[in-house]
Amino acid sequence: MPQEERPDIMSIETGSELKRWYWLKAELVAHCQALDIPYTGSKAEICERLATFMDTGKIVKPKATKRTSKFNWAKEVLHPGTIITDSYRNGPNVRRFFIEHIGPSFRFTISFMQWMKANTGKTLADAVIAWQDLQEAEKAPGFKTKIPAGNQFNQYLRDFFEANPNLSMQEARQCWAQKTQGPAPHRYQTADLLFLQQKS
């Protein structure tokens, strides 16, 4: 049976239909702009705001996030006793600090960035220990980093390569590109490999 074709976002009238399809954040933002509704926030928040507007006509305003700290993470001199504030941002200044105290193996990971966001009030010395603990945990057999619910692409890649370890990233991307042209769910299925046969 032929795959159902992805509609033009402008033709969609209900929230449930909007959520059946995969959209880039840029597409959702552009549609919000066309409808004159707020377009800030995460991709999931923007999609939910559009869906609510389509179903009810109500415009849900983005939640205001007021920071209490004015600490400038890009310019301040950082030391182990520096308190992690709600204004925390990754950047070259922060990277230099961690490389100095951890070594050249330091890198920002999803789990570490989540730790930093969840631990305002602790110090950078605590962060160094947390990074080392997280790295140690990753060495455990069968360890997998947690993929955020909204990151469908990364989840698809993980599932694709677990099922097809001998296939390439190019082939995974080809399958994903075709998958996103069809309706939900946008999770890997064995039948997705038929997309590769269609390409050959």
C-alpha atoms as a PDB file:
ATOM      1  CA  MET A   1       0.000   0.000   0.000  1.00  0.00           C
ATOM      2  CA  PRO A   2       1.457   3.414  -0.980  1.00  0.00           C
ATOM      3  CA  GLN A   3       2.598   5.644   1.863  1.00  0.00           C
ATOM      4  CA  GLU A   4       0.202   8.439   2.803  1.00  0.00           C
ATOM      5  CA  GLU A   5       1.647  11.719   1.557  1.00  0.00           C
ATOM      6  CA  ARG A   6       2.715  14.399   4.016  1.00  0.00           C
ATOM      7  CA  PRO A   7       0.361  17.370   3.709  1.00  0.00           C
ATOM      8  CA  ASP A   8       1.229  21.039   3.496  1.00  0.00           C
ATOM      9  CA  ILE A   9       1.206  22.374   7.047  1.00  0.00           C
ATOM     10  CA  MET A  10      -1.022  25.260   5.921  1.00  0.00           C
ATOM     11  CA  SER A  11      -3.768  22.771   5.015  1.00  0.00           C
ATOM     12  CA  ILE A  12      -3.968  21.189   8.478  1.00  0.00           C
ATOM     13  CA  GLU A  13      -6.976  22.204  10.576  1.00  0.00           C
ATOM     14  CA  THR A  14      -6.804  20.111  13.764  1.00  0.00           C
ATOM     15  CA  GLY A  15      -4.236  19.549  16.451  1.00  0.00           C
ATOM     16  CA  SER A  16      -4.465  15.772  16.170  1.00  0.00           C
ATOM     17  CA  GLU A  17      -3.702  15.926  12.448  1.00  0.00           C
ATOM     18  CA  LEU A  18      -0.759  18.270  13.080  1.00  0.00           C
ATOM     19  CA  LYS A  19       0.728  15.784  15.539  1.00  0.00           C
ATOM     20  CA  ARG A  20       0.449  12.894  13.077  1.00  0.00           C
ATOM     21  CA  TRP A  21       3.320  14.349  11.056  1.00  0.00           C
ATOM     22  CA  TYR A  22       6.963  15.160  11.618  1.00  0.00           C
ATOM     23  CA  TRP A  23       7.831  18.854  11.346  1.00  0.00           C
ATOM     24  CA  LEU A  24      11.095  20.703  11.558  1.00  0.00           C
ATOM     25  CA  LYS A  25      11.126  23.406  14.208  1.00  0.00           C
ATOM     26  CA  ALA A  26      11.619  25.986  11.458  1.00  0.00           C
ATOM     27  CA  GLU A  27       8.361  24.850   9.806  1.00  0.00           C
ATOM     28  CA  LEU A  28       6.430  25.173  13.070  1.00  0.00           C
ATOM     29  CA  VAL A  29       7.933  28.591  13.757  1.00  0.00           C
ATOM     30  CA  ALA A  30       7.054  29.819  10.265  1.00  0.00           C
ATOM     31  CA  HIS A  31       3.464  28.591  10.678  1.00  0.00           C
ATOM     32  CA  CYS A  32       3.166  30.364  14.024  1.00  0.00           C
ATOM     33  CA  GLN A  33       4.425  33.555  12.408  1.00  0.00           C
ATOM     34  CA  ALA A  34       1.852  33.191   9.629  1.00  0.00           C
ATOM     35  CA  LEU A  35      -0.908  32.790  12.238  1.00  0.00           C
ATOM     36  CA  ASP A  36       0.504  35.621  14.378  1.00  0.00           C
ATOM     37  CA  ILE A  37       0.958  33.531  17.511  1.00  0.00           C
ATOM     38  CA  PRO A  38       4.084  33.258  19.731  1.00  0.00           C
ATOM     39  CA  TYR A  39       6.803  30.996  18.382  1.00  0.00           C
ATOM     40  CA  THR A  40       9.407  30.861  21.159  1.00  0.00           C
ATOM     41  CA  GLY A  41      10.189  27.752  23.203  1.00  0.00           C
ATOM     42  CA  SER A  42      11.114  24.175  22.434  1.00  0.00           C
ATOM     43  CA  LYS A  43       9.860  22.373  19.352  1.00  0.00           C
ATOM     44  CA  ALA A  44       7.423  20.348  21.483  1.00  0.00           C
ATOM     45  CA  GLU A  45       6.056  23.506  23.122  1.00  0.00           C
ATOM     46  CA  ILE A  46       5.566  25.230  19.772  1.00  0.00           C
ATOM     47  CA  CYS A  47       3.787  22.199  18.318  1.00  0.00           C
ATOM     48  CA  GLU A  48       1.490  21.993  21.353  1.00  0.00           C
ATOM     49  CA  ARG A  49       0.740  25.730  21.103  1.00  0.00           C
ATOM     50  CA  LEU A  50      -0.209  25.344  17.433  1.00  0.00           C
ATOM     51  CA  ALA A  51      -2.366  22.300  18.165  1.00  0.00           C
ATOM     52  CA  THR A  52      -4.227  24.155  20.925  1.00  0.00           C
ATOM     53  CA  PHE A  53      -4.798  27.124  18.639  1.00  0.00           C
ATOM     54  CA  MET A  54      -6.154  24.907  15.860  1.00  0.00           C
ATOM     55  CA  ASP A  55      -8.559  23.095  18.186  1.00  0.00           C
ATOM     56  CA  THR A  56      -9.731  25.965  20.378  1.00  0.00           C
ATOM     57  CA  GLY A  57      -8.601  29.251  18.865  1.00  0.00           C
ATOM     58  CA  LYS A  58      -6.847  29.959  22.157  1.00  0.00           C
ATOM     59  CA  ILE A  59      -3.342  31.413  22.108  1.00  0.00           C
ATOM     60  CA  VAL A  60      -1.177  29.920  24.845  1.00  0.00           C
ATOM     61  CA  LYS A  61       1.591  32.336  25.752  1.00  0.00           C
ATOM     62  CA  PRO A  62       5.086  30.979  26.442  1.00  0.00           C
ATOM     63  CA  LYS A  63       5.958  30.607  30.101  1.00  0.00           C
ATOM     64  CA  ALA A  64       8.093  33.464  31.297  1.00  0.00           C
ATOM     65  CA  THR A  65      11.408  32.298  32.680  1.00  0.00           C
ATOM     66  CA  LYS A  66      12.838  34.989  34.920  1.00  0.00           C
ATOM     67  CA  ARG A  67      16.465  34.496  35.846  1.00  0.00           C
ATOM     68  CA  THR A  68      17.520  35.709  39.255  1.00  0.00           C
ATOM     69  CA  SER A  69      21.274  35.679  38.578  1.00  0.00           C
ATOM     70  CA  LYS A  70      23.230  38.122  36.427  1.00  0.00           C
ATOM     71  CA  PHE A  71      26.429  36.068  36.618  1.00  0.00           C
ATOM     72  CA  ASN A  72      28.098  36.210  33.195  1.00  0.00           C
ATOM     73  CA  TRP A  73      29.419  32.718  32.419  1.00  0.00           C
ATOM     74  CA  ALA A  74      31.166  33.966  29.285  1.00  0.00           C
ATOM     75  CA  LYS A  75      33.317  36.571  31.029  1.00  0.00           C
ATOM     76  CA  GLU A  76      33.680  35.855  34.752  1.00  0.00           C
ATOM     77  CA  VAL A  77      36.788  34.171  36.158  1.00  0.00           C
ATOM     78  CA  LEU A  78      35.710  30.635  37.076  1.00  0.00           C
ATOM     79  CA  HIS A  79      37.096  28.615  39.988  1.00  0.00           C
ATOM     80  CA  PRO A  80      36.067  25.414  41.830  1.00  0.00           C
ATOM     81  CA  GLY A  81      34.016  27.401  44.328  1.00  0.00           C
ATOM     82  CA  THR A  82      31.948  29.180  41.647  1.00  0.00           C
ATOM     83  CA  ILE A  83      28.251  28.605  42.300  1.00  0.00           C
ATOM     84  CA  ILE A  84      26.166  27.206  39.435  1.00  0.00           C
ATOM     85  CA  THR A  85      23.483  29.819  38.792  1.00  0.00           C
ATOM     86  CA  ASP A  86      20.222  29.832  36.859  1.00  0.00           C
ATOM     87  CA  SER A  87      22.011  31.943  34.224  1.00  0.00           C
ATOM     88  CA  TYR A  88      24.437  29.104  33.436  1.00  0.00           C
ATOM     89  CA  ARG A  89      25.420  28.715  29.794  1.00  0.00           C
ATOM     90  CA  ASN A  90      27.953  26.455  28.089  1.00  0.00           C
ATOM     91  CA  GLY A  91      30.704  28.241  26.229  1.00  0.00           C
ATOM     92  CA  PRO A  92      34.464  28.593  25.685  1.00  0.00           C
ATOM     93  CA  ASN A  93      35.009  30.079  29.160  1.00  0.00           C
ATOM     94  CA  VAL A  94      33.294  27.144  30.859  1.00  0.00           C
ATOM     95  CA  ARG A  95      35.027  24.641  28.577  1.00  0.00           C
ATOM     96  CA  ARG A  96      38.430  26.105  29.526  1.00  0.00           C
ATOM     97  CA  PHE A  97      37.628  25.663  33.222  1.00  0.00           C
ATOM     98  CA  PHE A  98      36.630  22.008  32.844  1.00  0.00           C
ATOM     99  CA  ILE A  99      39.613  21.155  30.620  1.00  0.00           C
ATOM    100  CA  GLU A 100      41.888  22.719  33.233  1.00  0.00           C
ATOM    101  CA  HIS A 101      40.337  20.680  36.076  1.00  0.00           C
ATOM    102  CA  ILE A 102      39.434  17.459  34.237  1.00  0.00           C
ATOM    103  CA  GLY A 103      41.836  17.287  31.326  1.00  0.00           C
ATOM    104  CA  PRO A 104      41.629  17.259  27.517  1.00  0.00           C
ATOM    105  CA  SER A 105      39.149  14.362  27.580  1.00  0.00           C
ATOM    106  CA  PHE A 106      36.423  16.731  28.813  1.00  0.00           C
ATOM    107  CA  ARG A 107      33.405  17.184  26.569  1.00  0.00           C
ATOM    108  CA  PHE A 108      29.877  18.441  27.081  1.00  0.00           C
ATOM    109  CA  THR A 109      27.460  15.514  27.071  1.00  0.00           C
ATOM    110  CA  ILE A 110      23.668  15.500  27.235  1.00  0.00           C
ATOM    111  CA  SER A 111      23.691  13.870  30.667  1.00  0.00           C
ATOM    112  CA  PHE A 112      26.204  16.380  32.025  1.00  0.00           C
ATOM    113  CA  MET A 113      24.326  19.383  30.637  1.00  0.00           C
ATOM    114  CA  GLN A 114      21.161  18.033  32.251  1.00  0.00           C
ATOM    115  CA  TRP A 115      23.054  17.709  35.539  1.00  0.00           C
ATOM    116  CA  MET A 116      24.230  21.332  35.333  1.00  0.00           C
ATOM    117  CA  LYS A 117      20.710  22.542  34.631  1.00  0.00           C
ATOM    118  CA  ALA A 118      19.268  20.563  37.552  1.00  0.00           C
ATOM    119  CA  ASN A 119      21.916  21.523  40.116  1.00  0.00           C
ATOM    120  CA  THR A 120      21.880  25.272  40.547  1.00  0.00           C
ATOM    121  CA  GLY A 121      23.330  26.149  43.933  1.00  0.00           C
ATOM    122  CA  LYS A 122      26.094  23.561  43.758  1.00  0.00           C
ATOM    123  CA  THR A 123      29.666  24.458  42.808  1.00  0.00           C
ATOM    124  CA  LEU A 124      31.884  23.806  39.824  1.00  0.00           C
ATOM    125  CA  ALA A 125      33.908  21.493  42.073  1.00  0.00           C
ATOM    126  CA  ASP A 126      30.713  19.435  42.462  1.00  0.00           C
ATOM    127  CA  ALA A 127      30.300  19.555  38.677  1.00  0.00           C
ATOM    128  CA  VAL A 128      33.798  18.142  38.122  1.00  0.00           C
ATOM    129  CA  ILE A 129      32.973  15.186  40.385  1.00  0.00           C
ATOM    130  CA  ALA A 130      29.595  14.726  38.669  1.00  0.00           C
ATOM    131  CA  TRP A 131      31.238  14.658  35.224  1.00  0.00           C
ATOM    132  CA  GLN A 132      33.713  12.020  36.382  1.00  0.00           C
ATOM    133  CA  ASP A 133      30.914   9.950  37.942  1.00  0.00           C
ATOM    134  CA  LEU A 134      28.862  10.145  34.751  1.00  0.00           C
ATOM    135  CA  GLN A 135      31.865   9.078  32.672  1.00  0.00           C
ATOM    136  CA  GLU A 136      32.432   6.115  34.970  1.00  0.00           C
ATOM    137  CA  ALA A 137      28.770   5.120  34.726  1.00  0.00           C
ATOM    138  CA  GLU A 138      29.022   5.099  30.918  1.00  0.00           C
ATOM    139  CA  LYS A 139      31.651   2.354  31.121  1.00  0.00           C
ATOM    140  CA  ALA A 140      29.140  -0.088  32.617  1.00  0.00           C
ATOM    141  CA  PRO A 141      28.126  -2.962  30.280  1.00  0.00           C
ATOM    142  CA  GLY A 142      24.920  -2.176  28.410  1.00  0.00           C
ATOM    143  CA  PHE A 143      24.935   1.501  29.412  1.00  0.00           C
ATOM    144  CA  LYS A 144      22.871   3.780  27.201  1.00  0.00           C
ATOM    145  CA  THR A 145      22.509   7.513  27.460  1.00  0.00           C
ATOM    146  CA  LYS A 146      18.929   8.658  27.895  1.00  0.00           C
ATOM    147  CA  ILE A 147      17.588  10.279  24.757  1.00  0.00           C
ATOM    148  CA  PRO A 148      15.144  13.141  25.457  1.00  0.00           C
ATOM    149  CA  ALA A 149      11.583  12.293  24.420  1.00  0.00           C
ATOM    150  CA  GLY A 150      11.471  15.025  21.788  1.00  0.00           C
ATOM    151  CA  ASN A 151      14.636  13.927  19.990  1.00  0.00           C
ATOM    152  CA  GLN A 152      13.030  11.544  17.526  1.00  0.00           C
ATOM    153  CA  PHE A 153      15.973  11.598  15.121  1.00  0.00           C
ATOM    154  CA  ASN A 154      18.529  10.355  17.654  1.00  0.00           C
ATOM    155  CA  GLN A 155      16.115   7.707  18.932  1.00  0.00           C
ATOM    156  CA  TYR A 156      15.539   6.537  15.364  1.00  0.00           C
ATOM    157  CA  LEU A 157      19.290   6.273  14.741  1.00  0.00           C
ATOM    158  CA  ARG A 158      19.831   4.259  17.922  1.00  0.00           C
ATOM    159  CA  ASP A 159      17.047   1.817  17.073  1.00  0.00           C
ATOM    160  CA  PHE A 160      18.152   1.605  13.437  1.00  0.00           C
ATOM    161  CA  PHE A 161      21.746   0.665  14.256  1.00  0.00           C
ATOM    162  CA  GLU A 162      20.768  -1.742  17.018  1.00  0.00           C
ATOM    163  CA  ALA A 163      18.754  -3.638  14.402  1.00  0.00           C
ATOM    164  CA  ASN A 164      21.206  -3.078  11.531  1.00  0.00           C
ATOM    165  CA  PRO A 165      24.769  -2.710  12.853  1.00  0.00           C
ATOM    166  CA  ASN A 166      26.287  -3.333   9.418  1.00  0.00           C
ATOM    167  CA  LEU A 167      24.441  -0.530   7.641  1.00  0.00           C
ATOM    168  CA  SER A 168      25.841   2.981   7.195  1.00  0.00           C
ATOM    169  CA  MET A 169      24.882   6.397   8.537  1.00  0.00           C
ATOM    170  CA  GLN A 170      23.957   7.403   4.996  1.00  0.00           C
ATOM    171  CA  GLU A 171      21.498   4.508   4.792  1.00  0.00           C
ATOM    172  CA  ALA A 172      20.072   5.390   8.207  1.00  0.00           C
ATOM    173  CA  ARG A 173      19.561   8.989   7.105  1.00  0.00           C
ATOM    174  CA  GLN A 174      17.871   7.873   3.883  1.00  0.00           C
ATOM    175  CA  CYS A 175      15.418   5.759   5.865  1.00  0.00           C
ATOM    176  CA  TRP A 176      14.780   8.592   8.320  1.00  0.00           C
ATOM    177  CA  ALA A 177      14.165  11.091   5.503  1.00  0.00           C
ATOM    178  CA  GLN A 178      11.529   8.796   4.007  1.00  0.00           C
ATOM    179  CA  LYS A 179      10.054   7.994   7.417  1.00  0.00           C
ATOM    180  CA  THR A 180       9.413  11.641   8.198  1.00  0.00           C
ATOM    181  CA  GLN A 181       7.388  12.018   5.009  1.00  0.00           C
ATOM    182  CA  GLY A 182       4.805   9.585   6.387  1.00  0.00           C
ATOM    183  CA  PRO A 183       2.450   9.760   9.367  1.00  0.00           C
ATOM    184  CA  ALA A 184       3.348   8.828  12.955  1.00  0.00           C
ATOM    185  CA  PRO A 185       4.802   6.850  14.578  1.00  0.00           C
ATOM    186  CA  HIS A 186       8.264   7.991  13.557  1.00  0.00           C
ATOM    187  CA  ARG A 187      10.085   5.096  15.212  1.00  0.00           C
ATOM    188  CA  TYR A 188      12.262   2.581  13.426  1.00  0.00           C
ATOM    189  CA  GLN A 189      10.508  -0.458  11.950  1.00  0.00           C
ATOM    190  CA  THR A 190      12.013  -3.316   9.927  1.00  0.00           C
ATOM    191  CA  ALA A 191       9.825  -2.322   7.009  1.00  0.00           C
ATOM    192  CA  ASP A 192      11.778   0.947   6.770  1.00  0.00           C
ATOM    193  CA  LEU A 193      14.541  -0.956   4.988  1.00  0.00           C
ATOM    194  CA  LEU A 194      12.239  -1.116   1.972  1.00  0.00           C
ATOM    195  CA  PHE A 195      13.093   2.573   1.487  1.00  0.00           C
ATOM    196  CA  LEU A 196      16.647   1.498   0.633  1.00  0.00           C
ATOM    197  CA  GLN A 197      15.390  -0.954  -1.982  1.00  0.00           C
ATOM    198  CA  GLN A 198      13.312   1.793  -3.558  1.00  0.00           C
ATOM    199  CA  LYS A 199      16.442   3.972  -3.799  1.00  0.00           C
ATOM    200  CA  SER A 200      18.518   1.285  -5.537  1.00  0.00           C
END
